[in-house]
Amino acid sequence: MDTVVLLTLTGLGLGALYFLVASGLSLIFGLMDVLNFAHGALLSVGAYATWWAASGHLPGAGSGGLGFVLAVVFGVAVGTLAAIVLELVVVRPLYTRPREQVLATVGVSLAVPALLSGIWGTDPLTFPGPEALKSTVGVLGASVPANRLVLIAAAVLVWAGLKLFLDRTRHGLVVRAGVEDRAMVTALGIDVRKAFTLVFAIGGAAAALGGALGGLYFGSVDPGQGTSLLIFAFVVVVTGGMGSVTGAAVASVVIGLVQQFANYYTTAGLGDLAVVVLLAALLLVRPRGLTGRLA
């Protein structure tokens, strides 16, 4: 029983990490029709910024207590700023040229890891964090890593925040309306471009938070971490339905659990294959994913 509890909670923790990355990706694609291959780079930027701050380079930040919280806030802020710059400089001039959009964001996804490698090297760097989050917590007889529970809590908060933004705020409604009929919204005197920049900023913040907490999950950061997680984020987005935040949340849970249980009860590494098989089977039955809508 304790093994099942451990696998379930660690699987949920892995799914939570996938959701933090995939939620912004799904939001950007669903609201703006932009397939952002540079999204993993935003995760890497947030991870390295958090690592840099938690290593003592930022006054007041550190590896423990409130110092680590400040390091995470700094990492999220840097990732958000990077997302805004990406939207303004790279994506905005190419809104009507989707092919060039893909090429440009792929270029950024290759350039950022190369830049990080040039500054800090290609070897993984040990990620500093509070000792409390490196310990375990007893849950129903199982010793669960505390950072998995933190990831789950963060994912729930991000999901609730995104739902609130989309359904209850003026900016969220403006963005949704802009996607449906941009010309009409513009005719009403509303600058849709600013709303789209806000969406990119929110997506970048979620990815950067995933990078910061992903450092706790893996215990280290490396330049290719964002790229590898982006692959699973795309799987989550397709499985949940392109543009559906709720679908991404459900898909993250399913994929995290399938991967964790498959890796434990079969040969290590077969969890990735199980995820691919699950995706293929789902798309045969529901080509638009679990929901296939913005929700």
C-alpha atoms as a PDB file:
ATOM      1  CA  MET A   1       0.000   0.000   0.000  1.00  0.00           C
ATOM      2  CA  ASP A   2       2.779   2.422   0.898  1.00  0.00           C
ATOM      3  CA  THR A   3       4.396   1.774  -2.502  1.00  0.00           C
ATOM      4  CA  VAL A   4       1.176   2.674  -4.306  1.00  0.00           C
ATOM      5  CA  VAL A   5       0.845   5.874  -2.245  1.00  0.00           C
ATOM      6  CA  LEU A   6       4.457   6.808  -2.971  1.00  0.00           C
ATOM      7  CA  LEU A   7       4.112   6.153  -6.702  1.00  0.00           C
ATOM      8  CA  THR A   8       0.817   8.051  -6.825  1.00  0.00           C
ATOM      9  CA  LEU A   9       2.144  11.155  -5.097  1.00  0.00           C
ATOM     10  CA  THR A  10       5.435  11.177  -6.962  1.00  0.00           C
ATOM     11  CA  GLY A  11       3.499  10.663 -10.203  1.00  0.00           C
ATOM     12  CA  LEU A  12       1.275  13.604  -9.300  1.00  0.00           C
ATOM     13  CA  GLY A  13       4.408  15.633  -8.551  1.00  0.00           C
ATOM     14  CA  LEU A  14       5.820  14.793 -11.981  1.00  0.00           C
ATOM     15  CA  GLY A  15       2.469  15.621 -13.563  1.00  0.00           C
ATOM     16  CA  ALA A  16       2.438  18.931 -11.687  1.00  0.00           C
ATOM     17  CA  LEU A  17       5.832  19.790 -13.188  1.00  0.00           C
ATOM     18  CA  TYR A  18       4.545  18.935 -16.655  1.00  0.00           C
ATOM     19  CA  PHE A  19       1.474  21.097 -16.078  1.00  0.00           C
ATOM     20  CA  LEU A  20       3.506  24.149 -15.049  1.00  0.00           C
ATOM     21  CA  VAL A  21       5.314  23.932 -18.375  1.00  0.00           C
ATOM     22  CA  ALA A  22       2.331  22.898 -20.482  1.00  0.00           C
ATOM     23  CA  SER A  23      -0.176  25.395 -19.061  1.00  0.00           C
ATOM     24  CA  GLY A  24       1.623  28.389 -20.539  1.00  0.00           C
ATOM     25  CA  LEU A  25       2.208  26.547 -23.802  1.00  0.00           C
ATOM     26  CA  SER A  26      -1.477  25.648 -24.035  1.00  0.00           C
ATOM     27  CA  LEU A  27      -2.544  29.169 -23.104  1.00  0.00           C
ATOM     28  CA  ILE A  28      -0.334  30.804 -25.724  1.00  0.00           C
ATOM     29  CA  PHE A  29      -1.432  28.425 -28.472  1.00  0.00           C
ATOM     30  CA  GLY A  30      -5.108  28.424 -27.525  1.00  0.00           C
ATOM     31  CA  LEU A  31      -5.423  32.201 -27.209  1.00  0.00           C
ATOM     32  CA  MET A  32      -2.906  33.387 -29.785  1.00  0.00           C
ATOM     33  CA  ASP A  33      -2.480  30.463 -32.196  1.00  0.00           C
ATOM     34  CA  VAL A  34       1.289  30.652 -31.679  1.00  0.00           C
ATOM     35  CA  LEU A  35       3.206  27.377 -31.515  1.00  0.00           C
ATOM     36  CA  ASN A  36       6.010  28.577 -29.236  1.00  0.00           C
ATOM     37  CA  PHE A  37       8.984  26.224 -29.495  1.00  0.00           C
ATOM     38  CA  ALA A  38      10.987  28.653 -27.349  1.00  0.00           C
ATOM     39  CA  HIS A  39       8.801  27.893 -24.322  1.00  0.00           C
ATOM     40  CA  GLY A  40      11.361  25.428 -22.948  1.00  0.00           C
ATOM     41  CA  ALA A  41      13.975  28.172 -23.118  1.00  0.00           C
ATOM     42  CA  LEU A  42      11.816  30.280 -20.751  1.00  0.00           C
ATOM     43  CA  LEU A  43      11.846  27.370 -18.300  1.00  0.00           C
ATOM     44  CA  SER A  44      15.649  27.198 -18.494  1.00  0.00           C
ATOM     45  CA  VAL A  45      15.939  30.945 -17.961  1.00  0.00           C
ATOM     46  CA  GLY A  46      13.747  30.735 -14.848  1.00  0.00           C
ATOM     47  CA  ALA A  47      15.686  27.722 -13.533  1.00  0.00           C
ATOM     48  CA  TYR A  48      19.096  29.336 -13.968  1.00  0.00           C
ATOM     49  CA  ALA A  49      17.921  32.686 -12.574  1.00  0.00           C
ATOM     50  CA  THR A  50      16.584  30.915  -9.480  1.00  0.00           C
ATOM     51  CA  TRP A  51      19.805  28.890  -9.142  1.00  0.00           C
ATOM     52  CA  TRP A  52      21.886  32.073  -9.464  1.00  0.00           C
ATOM     53  CA  ALA A  53      19.848  33.926  -6.834  1.00  0.00           C
ATOM     54  CA  ALA A  54      19.649  30.973  -4.421  1.00  0.00           C
ATOM     55  CA  SER A  55      23.420  30.533  -4.683  1.00  0.00           C
ATOM     56  CA  GLY A  56      23.839  33.833  -2.843  1.00  0.00           C
ATOM     57  CA  HIS A  57      24.416  36.231  -5.737  1.00  0.00           C
ATOM     58  CA  LEU A  58      21.229  38.205  -5.085  1.00  0.00           C
ATOM     59  CA  PRO A  59      21.117  40.228  -1.837  1.00  0.00           C
ATOM     60  CA  GLY A  60      18.560  38.745   0.538  1.00  0.00           C
ATOM     61  CA  ALA A  61      18.152  35.541  -1.463  1.00  0.00           C
ATOM     62  CA  GLY A  62      19.558  32.175  -0.445  1.00  0.00           C
ATOM     63  CA  SER A  63      18.977  28.458  -0.268  1.00  0.00           C
ATOM     64  CA  GLY A  64      16.765  28.441   2.802  1.00  0.00           C
ATOM     65  CA  GLY A  65      13.519  29.865   4.112  1.00  0.00           C
ATOM     66  CA  LEU A  66      12.407  33.263   2.883  1.00  0.00           C
ATOM     67  CA  GLY A  67      15.683  33.613   1.001  1.00  0.00           C
ATOM     68  CA  PHE A  68      14.709  30.737  -1.259  1.00  0.00           C
ATOM     69  CA  VAL A  69      11.219  32.184  -1.757  1.00  0.00           C
ATOM     70  CA  LEU A  70      12.873  35.416  -2.897  1.00  0.00           C
ATOM     71  CA  ALA A  71      15.106  33.411  -5.255  1.00  0.00           C
ATOM     72  CA  VAL A  72      12.037  31.746  -6.794  1.00  0.00           C
ATOM     73  CA  VAL A  73      10.292  35.117  -7.155  1.00  0.00           C
ATOM     74  CA  PHE A  74      13.399  36.466  -8.866  1.00  0.00           C
ATOM     75  CA  GLY A  75      13.527  33.477 -11.216  1.00  0.00           C
ATOM     76  CA  VAL A  76       9.855  33.862 -12.136  1.00  0.00           C
ATOM     77  CA  ALA A  77      10.333  37.603 -12.708  1.00  0.00           C
ATOM     78  CA  VAL A  78      13.294  37.015 -15.029  1.00  0.00           C
ATOM     79  CA  GLY A  79      11.382  34.333 -16.929  1.00  0.00           C
ATOM     80  CA  THR A  80       8.386  36.657 -17.271  1.00  0.00           C
ATOM     81  CA  LEU A  81      10.585  39.472 -18.576  1.00  0.00           C
ATOM     82  CA  ALA A  82      12.193  37.069 -21.066  1.00  0.00           C
ATOM     83  CA  ALA A  83       8.722  36.033 -22.285  1.00  0.00           C
ATOM     84  CA  ILE A  84       7.705  39.686 -22.801  1.00  0.00           C
ATOM     85  CA  VAL A  85      10.885  40.390 -24.775  1.00  0.00           C
ATOM     86  CA  LEU A  86      10.309  37.238 -26.833  1.00  0.00           C
ATOM     87  CA  GLU A  87       6.775  38.315 -27.714  1.00  0.00           C
ATOM     88  CA  LEU A  88       7.685  41.922 -28.539  1.00  0.00           C
ATOM     89  CA  VAL A  89      10.875  41.271 -30.493  1.00  0.00           C
ATOM     90  CA  VAL A  90      10.407  37.849 -32.107  1.00  0.00           C
ATOM     91  CA  VAL A  91       6.738  36.852 -32.191  1.00  0.00           C
ATOM     92  CA  ARG A  92       4.798  40.087 -32.670  1.00  0.00           C
ATOM     93  CA  PRO A  93       6.336  40.984 -36.058  1.00  0.00           C
ATOM     94  CA  LEU A  94       5.444  37.474 -37.274  1.00  0.00           C
ATOM     95  CA  TYR A  95       1.797  37.121 -36.170  1.00  0.00           C
ATOM     96  CA  THR A  96       0.621  36.878 -39.776  1.00  0.00           C
ATOM     97  CA  ARG A  97       3.500  34.599 -40.827  1.00  0.00           C
ATOM     98  CA  PRO A  98       3.136  31.324 -38.895  1.00  0.00           C
ATOM     99  CA  ARG A  99       5.882  29.508 -40.795  1.00  0.00           C
ATOM    100  CA  GLU A 100       8.418  32.166 -39.871  1.00  0.00           C
ATOM    101  CA  GLN A 101       7.077  32.082 -36.295  1.00  0.00           C
ATOM    102  CA  VAL A 102       8.010  28.427 -35.975  1.00  0.00           C
ATOM    103  CA  LEU A 103      11.476  28.972 -37.417  1.00  0.00           C
ATOM    104  CA  ALA A 104      12.125  31.981 -35.175  1.00  0.00           C
ATOM    105  CA  THR A 105      11.026  30.267 -31.956  1.00  0.00           C
ATOM    106  CA  VAL A 106      12.996  27.131 -32.844  1.00  0.00           C
ATOM    107  CA  GLY A 107      16.022  29.383 -33.311  1.00  0.00           C
ATOM    108  CA  VAL A 108      15.502  30.896 -29.866  1.00  0.00           C
ATOM    109  CA  SER A 109      15.098  27.407 -28.362  1.00  0.00           C
ATOM    110  CA  LEU A 110      18.539  26.510 -29.721  1.00  0.00           C
ATOM    111  CA  ALA A 111      20.226  29.824 -28.930  1.00  0.00           C
ATOM    112  CA  VAL A 112      19.264  30.072 -25.245  1.00  0.00           C
ATOM    113  CA  PRO A 113      20.707  26.670 -24.148  1.00  0.00           C
ATOM    114  CA  ALA A 114      23.860  27.496 -26.131  1.00  0.00           C
ATOM    115  CA  LEU A 115      24.107  30.836 -24.323  1.00  0.00           C
ATOM    116  CA  LEU A 116      23.601  29.197 -20.921  1.00  0.00           C
ATOM    117  CA  SER A 117      26.231  26.591 -21.791  1.00  0.00           C
ATOM    118  CA  GLY A 118      28.663  29.321 -22.797  1.00  0.00           C
ATOM    119  CA  ILE A 119      28.207  31.138 -19.480  1.00  0.00           C
ATOM    120  CA  TRP A 120      27.922  28.276 -16.960  1.00  0.00           C
ATOM    121  CA  GLY A 121      29.093  25.232 -18.898  1.00  0.00           C
ATOM    122  CA  THR A 122      27.280  22.117 -20.045  1.00  0.00           C
ATOM    123  CA  ASP A 123      27.593  20.119 -16.802  1.00  0.00           C
ATOM    124  CA  PRO A 124      24.593  19.971 -14.431  1.00  0.00           C
ATOM    125  CA  LEU A 125      24.806  22.425 -11.537  1.00  0.00           C
ATOM    126  CA  THR A 126      23.671  21.386  -8.064  1.00  0.00           C
ATOM    127  CA  PHE A 127      20.475  23.229  -7.239  1.00  0.00           C
ATOM    128  CA  PRO A 128      20.421  24.852  -3.765  1.00  0.00           C
ATOM    129  CA  GLY A 129      17.218  24.652  -1.777  1.00  0.00           C
ATOM    130  CA  PRO A 130      15.801  24.492   1.743  1.00  0.00           C
ATOM    131  CA  GLU A 131      16.766  21.369   3.662  1.00  0.00           C
ATOM    132  CA  ALA A 132      13.104  20.889   4.567  1.00  0.00           C
ATOM    133  CA  LEU A 133      12.253  20.409   0.879  1.00  0.00           C
ATOM    134  CA  LYS A 134      15.025  17.839   0.498  1.00  0.00           C
ATOM    135  CA  SER A 135      13.512  15.677   3.237  1.00  0.00           C
ATOM    136  CA  THR A 136      10.516  13.353   3.142  1.00  0.00           C
ATOM    137  CA  VAL A 137       7.024  13.591   4.601  1.00  0.00           C
ATOM    138  CA  GLY A 138       5.063  10.618   5.911  1.00  0.00           C
ATOM    139  CA  VAL A 139       1.769  10.116   4.041  1.00  0.00           C
ATOM    140  CA  LEU A 140      -0.277   6.959   4.744  1.00  0.00           C
ATOM    141  CA  GLY A 141       2.856   5.042   5.640  1.00  0.00           C
ATOM    142  CA  ALA A 142       4.870   6.230   2.634  1.00  0.00           C
ATOM    143  CA  SER A 143       7.861   8.576   2.790  1.00  0.00           C
ATOM    144  CA  VAL A 144       7.138  11.137   0.082  1.00  0.00           C
ATOM    145  CA  PRO A 145       9.732  13.761  -0.979  1.00  0.00           C
ATOM    146  CA  ALA A 146       8.496  17.122   0.280  1.00  0.00           C
ATOM    147  CA  ASN A 147       9.294  18.898  -2.989  1.00  0.00           C
ATOM    148  CA  ARG A 148       6.723  16.728  -4.796  1.00  0.00           C
ATOM    149  CA  LEU A 149       4.007  18.075  -2.510  1.00  0.00           C
ATOM    150  CA  VAL A 150       5.216  21.630  -3.161  1.00  0.00           C
ATOM    151  CA  LEU A 151       4.976  21.010  -6.899  1.00  0.00           C
ATOM    152  CA  ILE A 152       1.427  19.686  -6.560  1.00  0.00           C
ATOM    153  CA  ALA A 153       0.372  22.726  -4.509  1.00  0.00           C
ATOM    154  CA  ALA A 154       1.986  25.124  -7.002  1.00  0.00           C
ATOM    155  CA  ALA A 155       0.254  23.443  -9.962  1.00  0.00           C
ATOM    156  CA  VAL A 156      -3.151  23.653  -8.263  1.00  0.00           C
ATOM    157  CA  LEU A 157      -2.631  27.367  -7.551  1.00  0.00           C
ATOM    158  CA  VAL A 158      -1.510  28.065 -11.123  1.00  0.00           C
ATOM    159  CA  TRP A 159      -4.510  26.191 -12.551  1.00  0.00           C
ATOM    160  CA  ALA A 160      -6.915  28.113 -10.304  1.00  0.00           C
ATOM    161  CA  GLY A 161      -5.223  31.407 -11.191  1.00  0.00           C
ATOM    162  CA  LEU A 162      -5.445  30.742 -14.920  1.00  0.00           C
ATOM    163  CA  LYS A 163      -9.111  29.779 -14.683  1.00  0.00           C
ATOM    164  CA  LEU A 164      -9.808  32.951 -12.716  1.00  0.00           C
ATOM    165  CA  PHE A 165      -7.917  35.042 -15.279  1.00  0.00           C
ATOM    166  CA  LEU A 166      -9.740  33.569 -18.269  1.00  0.00           C
ATOM    167  CA  ASP A 167     -13.253  33.470 -16.817  1.00  0.00           C
ATOM    168  CA  ARG A 168     -13.456  36.321 -14.304  1.00  0.00           C
ATOM    169  CA  THR A 169     -11.153  39.147 -15.357  1.00  0.00           C
ATOM    170  CA  ARG A 170     -11.606  41.830 -17.991  1.00  0.00           C
ATOM    171  CA  HIS A 171      -8.225  41.104 -19.559  1.00  0.00           C
ATOM    172  CA  GLY A 172      -9.040  37.418 -19.877  1.00  0.00           C
ATOM    173  CA  LEU A 173     -12.353  38.162 -21.566  1.00  0.00           C
ATOM    174  CA  VAL A 174     -10.674  40.687 -23.886  1.00  0.00           C
ATOM    175  CA  VAL A 175      -8.122  38.085 -24.942  1.00  0.00           C
ATOM    176  CA  ARG A 176     -10.795  35.466 -25.580  1.00  0.00           C
ATOM    177  CA  ALA A 177     -12.837  37.967 -27.592  1.00  0.00           C
ATOM    178  CA  GLY A 178      -9.724  39.055 -29.503  1.00  0.00           C
ATOM    179  CA  VAL A 179      -9.089  35.511 -30.590  1.00  0.00           C
ATOM    180  CA  GLU A 180     -12.654  35.129 -31.864  1.00  0.00           C
ATOM    181  CA  ASP A 181     -12.809  38.466 -33.713  1.00  0.00           C
ATOM    182  CA  ARG A 182      -9.702  40.637 -33.454  1.00  0.00           C
ATOM    183  CA  ALA A 183     -11.029  43.288 -35.849  1.00  0.00           C
ATOM    184  CA  MET A 184     -14.204  43.832 -33.827  1.00  0.00           C
ATOM    185  CA  VAL A 185     -12.342  44.141 -30.525  1.00  0.00           C
ATOM    186  CA  THR A 186      -9.872  46.580 -32.092  1.00  0.00           C
ATOM    187  CA  ALA A 187     -12.786  48.632 -33.464  1.00  0.00           C
ATOM    188  CA  LEU A 188     -14.041  49.028 -29.894  1.00  0.00           C
ATOM    189  CA  GLY A 189     -10.806  50.806 -29.027  1.00  0.00           C
ATOM    190  CA  ILE A 190      -9.168  47.896 -27.210  1.00  0.00           C
ATOM    191  CA  ASP A 191      -5.486  47.215 -27.907  1.00  0.00           C
ATOM    192  CA  VAL A 192      -5.441  43.444 -28.370  1.00  0.00           C
ATOM    193  CA  ARG A 193      -1.657  43.459 -28.727  1.00  0.00           C
ATOM    194  CA  LYS A 194      -1.228  44.431 -25.082  1.00  0.00           C
ATOM    195  CA  ALA A 195      -3.550  41.608 -24.052  1.00  0.00           C
ATOM    196  CA  PHE A 196      -1.519  39.139 -26.113  1.00  0.00           C
ATOM    197  CA  THR A 197       1.692  40.375 -24.476  1.00  0.00           C
ATOM    198  CA  LEU A 198       0.035  39.749 -21.113  1.00  0.00           C
ATOM    199  CA  VAL A 199      -0.760  36.170 -22.167  1.00  0.00           C
ATOM    200  CA  PHE A 200       2.865  35.610 -23.138  1.00  0.00           C
ATOM    201  CA  ALA A 201       3.983  37.044 -19.790  1.00  0.00           C
ATOM    202  CA  ILE A 202       1.668  34.707 -17.864  1.00  0.00           C
ATOM    203  CA  GLY A 203       2.830  31.731 -19.901  1.00  0.00           C
ATOM    204  CA  GLY A 204       6.455  32.675 -19.305  1.00  0.00           C
ATOM    205  CA  ALA A 205       5.843  33.076 -15.572  1.00  0.00           C
ATOM    206  CA  ALA A 206       4.321  29.577 -15.353  1.00  0.00           C
ATOM    207  CA  ALA A 207       7.240  28.089 -17.300  1.00  0.00           C
ATOM    208  CA  ALA A 208       9.793  29.918 -15.148  1.00  0.00           C
ATOM    209  CA  LEU A 209       8.058  28.675 -12.000  1.00  0.00           C
ATOM    210  CA  GLY A 210       8.269  25.171 -13.439  1.00  0.00           C
ATOM    211  CA  GLY A 211      11.982  25.708 -13.968  1.00  0.00           C
ATOM    212  CA  ALA A 212      12.509  26.966 -10.438  1.00  0.00           C
ATOM    213  CA  LEU A 213      10.636  24.087  -8.820  1.00  0.00           C
ATOM    214  CA  GLY A 214      11.992  21.630 -11.394  1.00  0.00           C
ATOM    215  CA  GLY A 215      15.420  22.371  -9.955  1.00  0.00           C
ATOM    216  CA  LEU A 216      14.166  21.016  -6.629  1.00  0.00           C
ATOM    217  CA  TYR A 217      12.663  17.982  -8.362  1.00  0.00           C
ATOM    218  CA  PHE A 218      15.823  17.006 -10.239  1.00  0.00           C
ATOM    219  CA  GLY A 219      18.317  18.399  -7.721  1.00  0.00           C
ATOM    220  CA  SER A 220      20.231  20.184 -10.485  1.00  0.00           C
ATOM    221  CA  VAL A 221      19.889  22.449 -13.512  1.00  0.00           C
ATOM    222  CA  ASP A 222      21.407  22.041 -16.951  1.00  0.00           C
ATOM    223  CA  PRO A 223      21.039  23.903 -20.260  1.00  0.00           C
ATOM    224  CA  GLY A 224      18.999  21.164 -21.935  1.00  0.00           C
ATOM    225  CA  GLN A 225      16.479  20.711 -19.125  1.00  0.00           C
ATOM    226  CA  GLY A 226      13.893  22.995 -20.678  1.00  0.00           C
ATOM    227  CA  THR A 227      14.108  21.272 -24.056  1.00  0.00           C
ATOM    228  CA  SER A 228      13.549  17.804 -22.605  1.00  0.00           C
ATOM    229  CA  LEU A 229      10.575  18.951 -20.517  1.00  0.00           C
ATOM    230  CA  LEU A 230       9.126  20.797 -23.519  1.00  0.00           C
ATOM    231  CA  ILE A 231       8.705  17.466 -25.316  1.00  0.00           C
ATOM    232  CA  PHE A 232       6.445  16.162 -22.545  1.00  0.00           C
ATOM    233  CA  ALA A 233       4.691  19.530 -22.377  1.00  0.00           C
ATOM    234  CA  PHE A 234       3.722  19.181 -26.042  1.00  0.00           C
ATOM    235  CA  VAL A 235       2.436  15.668 -25.326  1.00  0.00           C
ATOM    236  CA  VAL A 236       0.337  17.075 -22.469  1.00  0.00           C
ATOM    237  CA  VAL A 237      -1.065  19.885 -24.619  1.00  0.00           C
ATOM    238  CA  VAL A 238      -2.011  17.531 -27.468  1.00  0.00           C
ATOM    239  CA  THR A 239      -3.480  14.961 -25.065  1.00  0.00           C
ATOM    240  CA  GLY A 240      -5.485  17.515 -23.123  1.00  0.00           C
ATOM    241  CA  GLY A 241      -6.693  19.366 -26.207  1.00  0.00           C
ATOM    242  CA  MET A 242      -4.984  22.312 -27.880  1.00  0.00           C
ATOM    243  CA  GLY A 243      -5.834  25.463 -25.947  1.00  0.00           C
ATOM    244  CA  SER A 244      -7.492  23.839 -22.938  1.00  0.00           C
ATOM    245  CA  VAL A 245      -5.948  24.647 -19.562  1.00  0.00           C
ATOM    246  CA  THR A 246      -8.235  22.196 -17.776  1.00  0.00           C
ATOM    247  CA  GLY A 247      -7.449  19.545 -20.376  1.00  0.00           C
ATOM    248  CA  ALA A 248      -3.740  20.149 -19.824  1.00  0.00           C
ATOM    249  CA  ALA A 249      -4.236  19.671 -16.076  1.00  0.00           C
ATOM    250  CA  VAL A 250      -6.056  16.360 -16.529  1.00  0.00           C
ATOM    251  CA  ALA A 251      -3.545  15.147 -19.123  1.00  0.00           C
ATOM    252  CA  SER A 252      -0.624  16.073 -16.846  1.00  0.00           C
ATOM    253  CA  VAL A 253      -2.043  13.949 -14.050  1.00  0.00           C
ATOM    254  CA  VAL A 254      -2.662  10.979 -16.342  1.00  0.00           C
ATOM    255  CA  ILE A 255       0.744  11.162 -18.017  1.00  0.00           C
ATOM    256  CA  GLY A 256       2.626  11.636 -14.744  1.00  0.00           C
ATOM    257  CA  LEU A 257       0.923   8.630 -13.161  1.00  0.00           C
ATOM    258  CA  VAL A 258       1.299   6.394 -16.229  1.00  0.00           C
ATOM    259  CA  GLN A 259       4.982   7.256 -16.545  1.00  0.00           C
ATOM    260  CA  GLN A 260       5.717   6.700 -12.866  1.00  0.00           C
ATOM    261  CA  PHE A 261       3.867   3.382 -12.524  1.00  0.00           C
ATOM    262  CA  ALA A 262       5.196   2.055 -15.840  1.00  0.00           C
ATOM    263  CA  ASN A 263       8.792   2.870 -14.885  1.00  0.00           C
ATOM    264  CA  TYR A 264       8.383   1.121 -11.533  1.00  0.00           C
ATOM    265  CA  TYR A 265       6.520  -2.026 -12.567  1.00  0.00           C
ATOM    266  CA  THR A 266       8.327  -2.544 -15.894  1.00  0.00           C
ATOM    267  CA  THR A 267      11.818  -1.835 -17.151  1.00  0.00           C
ATOM    268  CA  ALA A 268      13.071   1.677 -16.412  1.00  0.00           C
ATOM    269  CA  GLY A 269      12.503   3.877 -19.428  1.00  0.00           C
ATOM    270  CA  LEU A 270       9.371   2.129 -20.638  1.00  0.00           C
ATOM    271  CA  GLY A 271       7.347   4.879 -18.977  1.00  0.00           C
ATOM    272  CA  ASP A 272       8.182   7.180 -21.911  1.00  0.00           C
ATOM    273  CA  LEU A 273       7.017   4.523 -24.354  1.00  0.00           C
ATOM    274  CA  ALA A 274       3.807   4.051 -22.361  1.00  0.00           C
ATOM    275  CA  VAL A 275       3.109   7.778 -22.649  1.00  0.00           C
ATOM    276  CA  VAL A 276       3.586   7.702 -26.434  1.00  0.00           C
ATOM    277  CA  VAL A 277       1.304   4.663 -26.769  1.00  0.00           C
ATOM    278  CA  LEU A 278      -1.312   6.386 -24.605  1.00  0.00           C
ATOM    279  CA  LEU A 279      -1.151   9.505 -26.779  1.00  0.00           C
ATOM    280  CA  ALA A 280      -1.491   7.497 -29.989  1.00  0.00           C
ATOM    281  CA  ALA A 281      -4.463   5.530 -28.639  1.00  0.00           C
ATOM    282  CA  LEU A 282      -6.204   8.683 -27.419  1.00  0.00           C
ATOM    283  CA  LEU A 283      -5.774  10.501 -30.733  1.00  0.00           C
ATOM    284  CA  LEU A 284      -7.303   7.538 -32.573  1.00  0.00           C
ATOM    285  CA  VAL A 285     -10.417   7.829 -30.415  1.00  0.00           C
ATOM    286  CA  ARG A 286     -10.463  11.601 -29.808  1.00  0.00           C
ATOM    287  CA  PRO A 287      -8.358  13.416 -32.431  1.00  0.00           C
ATOM    288  CA  ARG A 288      -8.885  16.773 -30.680  1.00  0.00           C
ATOM    289  CA  GLY A 289      -7.681  15.479 -27.321  1.00  0.00           C
ATOM    290  CA  LEU A 290      -9.581  15.176 -24.063  1.00  0.00           C
ATOM    291  CA  THR A 291     -11.380  18.507 -24.438  1.00  0.00           C
ATOM    292  CA  GLY A 292     -10.168  20.274 -27.568  1.00  0.00           C
ATOM    293  CA  ARG A 293     -11.361  23.647 -26.371  1.00  0.00           C
ATOM    294  CA  LEU A 294     -10.281  26.641 -24.295  1.00  0.00           C
ATOM    295  CA  ALA A 295     -11.393  26.092 -20.703  1.00  0.00           C
END
